């Protein structure tokens, strides 16, 4: 697929106006207040994985409405000191899978929590273990359209709340340094990580690639692929529902979360990405932290000939090096914005 979004020079200065509902902050404050009235951790059970260098636990924590949400929690075997924690969010349609699937962050020396996606897990990977008991509002079969006509009923209200609660849960686990907590994700996971950055003011860092839910209105005009295509297909049948749907989507807009974030941020994007158009990622990056009065360290890497896969292992290598620098030099993370094109 050739490049189809804005040219790179335009992307690098792309700062679109975003229609935010007047009660955006109150909506999320009230949602998270209700979810935070109980201790997040329900149970932590060790599991045998056959891996000698990694210890893993089956974690259950309370998410939206106190619902039990599953996760894998892992840390390097034999590491006794409190470790920085990387909380990772999975892509659209994927569950937490099996505990040995995601080892990059624990092998880099971090405590690692991989959150299950409620009501997902059936499209690829090795499945999920967290149902969504609230998925009864009008909407199509895909998660992106469940409860689409009202923000209170929308699937992503619940999933974003789960993501925030996952950070609270990992901070309460033994062997974790609660003051060094990082949110990581690709695609849908990137959108969730960005939402966490906007809702958790003391997050240490956020690393996202090809984030979903950024520049949603423009994405609906540009692509019929992936979750945006599911939303378009729903609206093609439910004519007249566009206004209600767009109002709901405005409460989960990644650019709005990015404006409220203040942690150092690392972003990756493929310029031929038809699933999550690159203009959404650049809109979030360019407007990042603008409401917080801070200038956190941030950088974005563009891959001109890649699509939704982005930089893959090259991007992960960059993430590892960047995060280590942020954690090792906490007093030297302000004021820098960097845009890098190419895969070198």
Protein backbone atom coordinates (compact mmCIF):
# COMPACT_ATOMS: atom_id res chain seq x y z
CA UNK A 1 0.00 0.00 0.00
CA UNK A 2 1.56 3.35 -0.98
CA UNK A 3 1.60 6.25 1.44
CA UNK A 4 -1.96 7.61 1.60
CA UNK A 5 -1.97 10.11 4.47
CA UNK A 6 -0.34 13.53 4.68
CA UNK A 7 3.29 13.95 3.51
CA UNK A 8 5.87 13.71 6.28
CA UNK A 9 6.67 17.46 6.41
CA UNK A 10 2.96 18.15 6.97
CA UNK A 11 2.65 15.37 9.54
CA UNK A 12 5.52 16.81 11.54
CA UNK A 13 3.58 20.04 12.12
CA UNK A 14 0.05 18.57 12.09
CA UNK A 15 -1.91 19.93 15.07
CA UNK A 16 -5.61 19.51 14.30
CA UNK A 17 -8.37 20.94 16.42
CA UNK A 18 -10.13 18.21 18.36
CA UNK A 19 -13.73 18.52 19.48
CA UNK A 20 -13.72 17.65 23.17
CA UNK A 21 -16.92 17.31 25.17
CA UNK A 22 -17.19 19.92 27.92
CA UNK A 23 -17.39 17.21 30.56
CA UNK A 24 -14.44 15.13 29.28
CA UNK A 25 -12.44 15.53 32.49
CA UNK A 26 -15.46 15.06 34.75
CA UNK A 27 -16.49 11.94 32.82
CA UNK A 28 -13.14 10.27 33.41
CA UNK A 29 -12.75 11.58 36.95
CA UNK A 30 -16.10 10.08 37.94
CA UNK A 31 -15.45 6.84 36.05
CA UNK A 32 -12.09 6.27 37.71
CA UNK A 33 -13.32 7.35 41.13
CA UNK A 34 -16.01 4.67 41.04
CA UNK A 35 -13.47 2.06 39.92
CA UNK A 36 -10.90 3.05 42.53
CA UNK A 37 -12.99 2.54 45.64
CA UNK A 38 -11.58 -0.95 46.26
CA UNK A 39 -8.12 -2.50 46.45
CA UNK A 40 -7.19 -3.43 42.86
CA UNK A 41 -5.49 -6.79 43.52
CA UNK A 42 -7.75 -9.82 43.91
CA UNK A 43 -5.27 -12.70 43.67
CA UNK A 44 -1.70 -13.47 42.63
CA UNK A 45 -1.01 -17.12 41.87
CA UNK A 46 2.40 -18.49 40.73
CA UNK A 47 2.39 -20.51 37.53
CA UNK A 48 4.89 -22.96 36.09
CA UNK A 49 6.01 -21.93 32.61
CA UNK A 50 9.08 -24.07 32.03
CA UNK A 51 11.21 -20.93 31.93
CA UNK A 52 14.11 -21.01 34.36
CA UNK A 53 15.07 -17.34 34.12
CA UNK A 54 11.59 -15.88 34.53
CA UNK A 55 9.06 -16.15 37.33
CA UNK A 56 5.42 -15.63 36.41
CA UNK A 57 2.17 -15.16 38.31
CA UNK A 58 -1.45 -15.31 37.19
CA UNK A 59 -2.77 -11.97 38.45
CA UNK A 60 -6.41 -11.01 38.84
CA UNK A 61 -7.24 -7.39 39.58
CA UNK A 62 -10.42 -5.33 39.80
CA UNK A 63 -11.10 -3.23 36.73
CA UNK A 64 -14.16 -1.30 35.63
CA UNK A 65 -17.10 -1.77 38.03
CA UNK A 66 -14.91 -4.07 40.11
CA UNK A 67 -14.94 -6.73 37.38
CA UNK A 68 -12.12 -9.29 37.63
CA UNK A 69 -9.49 -8.73 34.95
CA UNK A 70 -6.72 -11.25 34.29
CA UNK A 71 -3.06 -10.48 33.60
CA UNK A 72 0.34 -12.13 33.54
CA UNK A 73 2.88 -10.67 35.93
CA UNK A 74 6.51 -11.65 35.38
CA UNK A 75 9.92 -10.66 36.71
CA UNK A 76 13.47 -11.95 36.27
CA UNK A 77 14.17 -14.95 38.48
CA UNK A 78 16.54 -14.19 41.33
CA UNK A 79 16.06 -10.43 41.22
CA UNK A 80 15.36 -9.26 44.76
CA UNK A 81 15.42 -5.47 44.52
CA UNK A 82 12.32 -3.42 43.59
CA UNK A 83 12.21 -3.16 39.80
CA UNK A 84 10.65 -0.63 37.43
CA UNK A 85 7.38 -2.03 36.10
CA UNK A 86 6.33 -2.11 32.45
CA UNK A 87 2.58 -2.44 32.01
CA UNK A 88 1.81 -3.67 28.51
CA UNK A 89 -1.51 -3.55 26.67
CA UNK A 90 -2.34 -5.92 23.83
CA UNK A 91 -3.68 -5.21 20.36
CA UNK A 92 -7.27 -5.30 19.10
CA UNK A 93 -8.86 -8.72 19.22
CA UNK A 94 -6.01 -10.25 21.19
CA UNK A 95 -6.03 -11.58 24.74
CA UNK A 96 -3.16 -12.08 27.13
CA UNK A 97 -2.37 -15.43 25.48
CA UNK A 98 0.17 -17.70 27.17
CA UNK A 99 2.64 -16.47 29.80
CA UNK A 100 5.78 -17.20 27.77
CA UNK A 101 4.72 -15.21 24.68
CA UNK A 102 5.87 -11.73 25.73
CA UNK A 103 9.35 -11.84 27.26
CA UNK A 104 11.12 -8.75 25.90
CA UNK A 105 10.55 -6.47 28.88
CA UNK A 106 11.22 -9.04 31.57
CA UNK A 107 14.40 -10.08 29.75
CA UNK A 108 15.44 -6.43 29.80
CA UNK A 109 15.28 -6.55 33.59
CA UNK A 110 11.84 -5.09 34.30
CA UNK A 111 8.84 -6.35 36.17
CA UNK A 112 6.21 -6.89 33.48
CA UNK A 113 2.43 -6.96 33.58
CA UNK A 114 0.49 -7.94 30.45
CA UNK A 115 -3.19 -7.06 30.79
CA UNK A 116 -5.89 -9.20 29.25
CA UNK A 117 -8.41 -7.39 27.03
CA UNK A 118 -11.88 -7.90 28.42
CA UNK A 119 -14.27 -9.36 25.87
CA UNK A 120 -11.54 -9.85 23.29
CA UNK A 121 -8.98 -12.55 22.54
CA UNK A 122 -10.75 -14.43 19.74
CA UNK A 123 -9.22 -12.88 16.61
CA UNK A 124 -5.57 -13.95 16.87
CA UNK A 125 -2.92 -15.10 19.32
CA UNK A 126 -3.66 -17.70 22.00
CA UNK A 127 -6.87 -16.33 23.45
CA UNK A 128 -7.96 -14.40 26.51
CA UNK A 129 -9.51 -15.14 29.88
CA UNK A 130 -11.51 -12.02 30.77
CA UNK A 131 -15.19 -11.72 29.79
CA UNK A 132 -16.97 -8.39 29.47
CA UNK A 133 -20.22 -8.74 31.45
CA UNK A 134 -21.40 -5.27 30.39
CA UNK A 135 -21.35 -5.87 26.63
CA UNK A 136 -25.13 -5.76 26.28
CA UNK A 137 -25.73 -2.24 24.89
CA UNK A 138 -26.68 -1.82 21.21
CA UNK A 139 -23.77 -2.25 18.85
CA UNK A 140 -22.20 -4.66 16.42
CA UNK A 141 -20.27 -7.83 17.20
CA UNK A 142 -16.81 -6.22 17.26
CA UNK A 143 -15.51 -4.54 20.44
CA UNK A 144 -15.08 -1.19 18.64
CA UNK A 145 -18.85 -0.84 18.23
CA UNK A 146 -20.11 -2.34 21.49
CA UNK A 147 -22.15 0.35 23.22
CA UNK A 148 -21.13 2.90 20.59
CA UNK A 149 -24.22 5.07 20.95
CA UNK A 150 -23.54 6.21 24.54
CA UNK A 151 -20.23 6.98 26.22
CA UNK A 152 -21.41 5.38 29.47
CA UNK A 153 -21.98 2.07 27.66
CA UNK A 154 -18.96 2.06 25.38
CA UNK A 155 -16.50 -0.82 25.40
CA UNK A 156 -13.48 1.49 25.53
CA UNK A 157 -14.72 3.22 28.65
CA UNK A 158 -14.39 -0.12 30.38
CA UNK A 159 -11.12 -1.12 28.72
CA UNK A 160 -9.41 2.20 29.45
CA UNK A 161 -10.54 1.98 33.07
CA UNK A 162 -9.07 -1.53 33.25
CA UNK A 163 -5.79 -0.15 31.90
CA UNK A 164 -5.59 2.53 34.59
CA UNK A 165 -6.40 -0.06 37.25
CA UNK A 166 -3.66 -2.32 35.90
CA UNK A 167 -1.13 0.39 36.77
CA UNK A 168 -2.59 0.66 40.29
CA UNK A 169 -2.42 -3.13 40.63
CA UNK A 170 1.21 -3.51 39.59
CA UNK A 171 2.26 -0.73 41.94
CA UNK A 172 0.97 -2.77 44.87
CA UNK A 173 2.88 -5.96 44.05
CA UNK A 174 6.01 -7.08 45.92
CA UNK A 175 9.29 -6.38 44.18
CA UNK A 176 7.94 -3.42 42.19
CA UNK A 177 9.13 0.16 42.51
CA UNK A 178 5.79 2.02 42.36
CA UNK A 179 7.50 5.29 41.48
CA UNK A 180 8.87 3.84 38.22
CA UNK A 181 5.90 2.62 36.20
CA UNK A 182 5.78 2.60 32.41
CA UNK A 183 2.88 2.08 29.96
CA UNK A 184 3.60 0.29 26.66
CA UNK A 185 1.49 -0.83 23.72
CA UNK A 186 1.08 -1.22 19.96
CA UNK A 187 -2.09 -0.43 17.98
CA UNK A 188 -5.03 -0.74 20.39
CA UNK A 189 -2.45 -1.27 23.12
CA UNK A 190 -0.82 2.00 22.09
CA UNK A 191 -4.14 3.80 22.37
CA UNK A 192 -4.64 2.35 25.85
CA UNK A 193 -1.11 3.31 26.93
CA UNK A 194 -1.69 6.86 25.71
CA UNK A 195 -4.98 7.03 27.63
CA UNK A 196 -3.16 5.86 30.76
CA UNK A 197 -0.58 8.60 30.25
CA UNK A 198 -3.37 11.16 30.20
CA UNK A 199 -5.16 9.74 33.24
CA UNK A 200 -2.24 8.77 35.52
CA UNK A 201 -0.32 11.98 36.26
CA UNK A 202 2.73 10.34 37.86
CA UNK A 203 3.46 7.79 35.13
CA UNK A 204 7.21 7.46 34.49
CA UNK A 205 7.11 7.01 30.71
CA UNK A 206 4.86 5.91 27.85
CA UNK A 207 5.91 4.03 24.70
CA UNK A 208 3.40 3.58 21.89
CA UNK A 209 3.51 2.37 18.30
CA UNK A 210 0.78 2.87 15.68
CA UNK A 211 -1.77 3.95 18.32
CA UNK A 212 -5.46 3.27 17.74
CA UNK A 213 -8.08 5.86 18.82
CA UNK A 214 -5.99 8.87 17.73
CA UNK A 215 -7.55 11.30 15.27
CA UNK A 216 -10.64 9.12 15.14
CA UNK A 217 -12.82 11.33 12.95
CA UNK A 218 -10.12 11.68 10.30
CA UNK A 219 -9.35 7.96 10.45
CA UNK A 220 -12.99 7.14 9.73
CA UNK A 221 -12.71 9.24 6.56
CA UNK A 222 -9.42 7.66 5.47
CA UNK A 223 -9.73 3.92 6.02
CA UNK A 224 -12.14 1.01 6.13
CA UNK A 225 -9.51 -1.29 7.65
CA UNK A 226 -9.53 -2.71 11.16
CA UNK A 227 -11.61 -1.29 13.99
CA UNK A 228 -12.36 1.93 12.12
CA UNK A 229 -13.88 -0.16 9.34
CA UNK A 230 -16.11 -1.88 11.88
CA UNK A 231 -17.38 1.51 13.06
CA UNK A 232 -17.98 2.64 9.46
CA UNK A 233 -19.81 -0.59 8.65
CA UNK A 234 -22.05 -0.13 11.70
CA UNK A 235 -22.89 3.45 10.71
CA UNK A 236 -23.59 2.35 7.12
CA UNK A 237 -26.44 0.26 8.50
CA UNK A 238 -27.54 2.54 11.36
CA UNK A 239 -28.05 5.68 9.33
CA UNK A 240 -28.62 8.67 11.54
CA UNK A 241 -26.49 7.31 14.40
CA UNK A 242 -23.35 9.22 13.40
CA UNK A 243 -23.84 12.14 15.79
CA UNK A 244 -24.30 9.89 18.83
CA UNK A 245 -21.39 7.68 17.78
CA UNK A 246 -19.03 10.60 17.26
CA UNK A 247 -19.94 12.04 20.64
CA UNK A 248 -19.13 8.70 22.27
CA UNK A 249 -15.83 8.48 20.41
CA UNK A 250 -14.85 11.97 21.57
CA UNK A 251 -14.57 10.62 25.13
CA UNK A 252 -11.89 8.10 24.09
CA UNK A 253 -9.96 10.30 21.64
CA UNK A 254 -6.24 9.69 22.06
CA UNK A 255 -5.27 13.25 21.19
CA UNK A 256 -7.33 14.48 24.15
CA UNK A 257 -5.51 12.10 26.47
CA UNK A 258 -2.17 13.12 24.96
CA UNK A 259 -2.88 16.79 25.68
CA UNK A 260 -3.23 15.92 29.37
CA UNK A 261 -0.17 13.65 29.62
CA UNK A 262 3.17 14.69 31.06
CA UNK A 263 5.37 11.58 31.14
CA UNK A 264 8.26 11.25 28.68
CA UNK A 265 6.89 9.72 25.47
CA UNK A 266 8.31 7.52 22.71
CA UNK A 267 6.20 6.99 19.57
CA UNK A 268 6.59 4.88 16.42
CA UNK A 269 4.55 5.04 13.22
CA UNK A 270 4.50 3.46 9.77
CA UNK A 271 3.70 6.03 7.10
CA UNK A 272 1.84 3.41 5.03
CA UNK A 273 -0.35 2.31 7.92
CA UNK A 274 -3.94 1.94 6.71
CA UNK A 275 -5.19 0.47 10.00
CA UNK A 276 -4.15 3.39 12.22
CA UNK A 277 -3.41 6.31 9.86
CA UNK A 278 -0.18 8.10 10.80
CA UNK A 279 -1.86 11.50 11.08
CA UNK A 280 -3.49 10.30 14.30
CA UNK A 281 -0.17 9.44 15.91
CA UNK A 282 1.35 12.75 14.83
CA UNK A 283 -1.66 14.69 16.10
CA UNK A 284 -1.20 13.08 19.52
CA UNK A 285 2.56 13.61 19.46
CA UNK A 286 2.40 17.24 18.37
CA UNK A 287 -0.20 18.17 20.96
CA UNK A 288 1.30 16.02 23.70
CA UNK A 289 1.35 17.65 27.18
CA UNK A 290 0.03 20.99 25.92
CA UNK A 291 -2.45 21.28 28.81
CA UNK A 292 -0.04 20.30 31.57
CA UNK A 293 2.40 23.20 31.51
CA UNK A 294 5.28 20.74 31.11
CA UNK A 295 7.70 19.96 28.29
CA UNK A 296 8.54 16.29 28.70
CA UNK A 297 11.13 14.51 26.65
CA UNK A 298 9.45 13.00 23.60
CA UNK A 299 10.42 11.53 20.25
CA UNK A 300 8.67 9.96 17.29
CA UNK A 301 10.14 7.55 14.73
CA UNK A 302 8.59 7.27 11.27
CA UNK A 303 9.06 4.26 8.96
CA UNK A 304 8.39 5.45 5.43
CA UNK A 305 7.90 2.05 3.79
CA UNK A 306 6.11 0.25 6.60
CA UNK A 307 2.45 -0.12 7.38
CA UNK A 308 0.80 -1.19 10.61
CA UNK A 309 3.79 -3.36 11.50
CA UNK A 310 5.85 -0.18 11.87
CA UNK A 311 9.49 -0.67 12.78
CA UNK A 312 8.98 -4.08 14.45
CA UNK A 313 12.24 -5.25 16.10
CA UNK A 314 14.05 -2.05 15.10
CA UNK A 315 11.44 -0.02 16.97
CA UNK A 316 11.65 -2.32 20.00
CA UNK A 317 15.42 -1.84 20.10
CA UNK A 318 14.89 1.91 20.08
CA UNK A 319 12.31 1.60 22.85
CA UNK A 320 14.68 -0.42 25.03
CA UNK A 321 17.52 2.06 24.63
CA UNK A 322 15.30 5.10 25.14
CA UNK A 323 13.57 3.75 28.24
CA UNK A 324 16.87 2.80 29.84
CA UNK A 325 18.09 6.36 29.28
CA UNK A 326 14.93 7.82 30.81
CA UNK A 327 15.19 5.60 33.89
CA UNK A 328 18.93 6.10 34.29
CA UNK A 329 18.79 9.88 33.84
CA UNK A 330 15.57 10.99 35.56
CA UNK A 331 16.81 14.56 35.89
CA UNK A 332 17.48 14.89 32.17
CA UNK A 333 14.11 14.19 30.58
CA UNK A 334 12.64 17.62 29.99
CA UNK A 335 12.24 19.92 27.09
CA UNK A 336 13.24 17.72 24.15
CA UNK A 337 11.10 16.90 21.11
CA UNK A 338 12.60 14.77 18.35
CA UNK A 339 11.21 13.49 15.05
CA UNK A 340 13.17 10.82 13.21
CA UNK A 341 12.41 9.37 9.75
CA UNK A 342 13.84 6.12 8.49
CA UNK A 343 14.77 2.78 10.01
CA UNK A 344 18.43 3.31 10.79
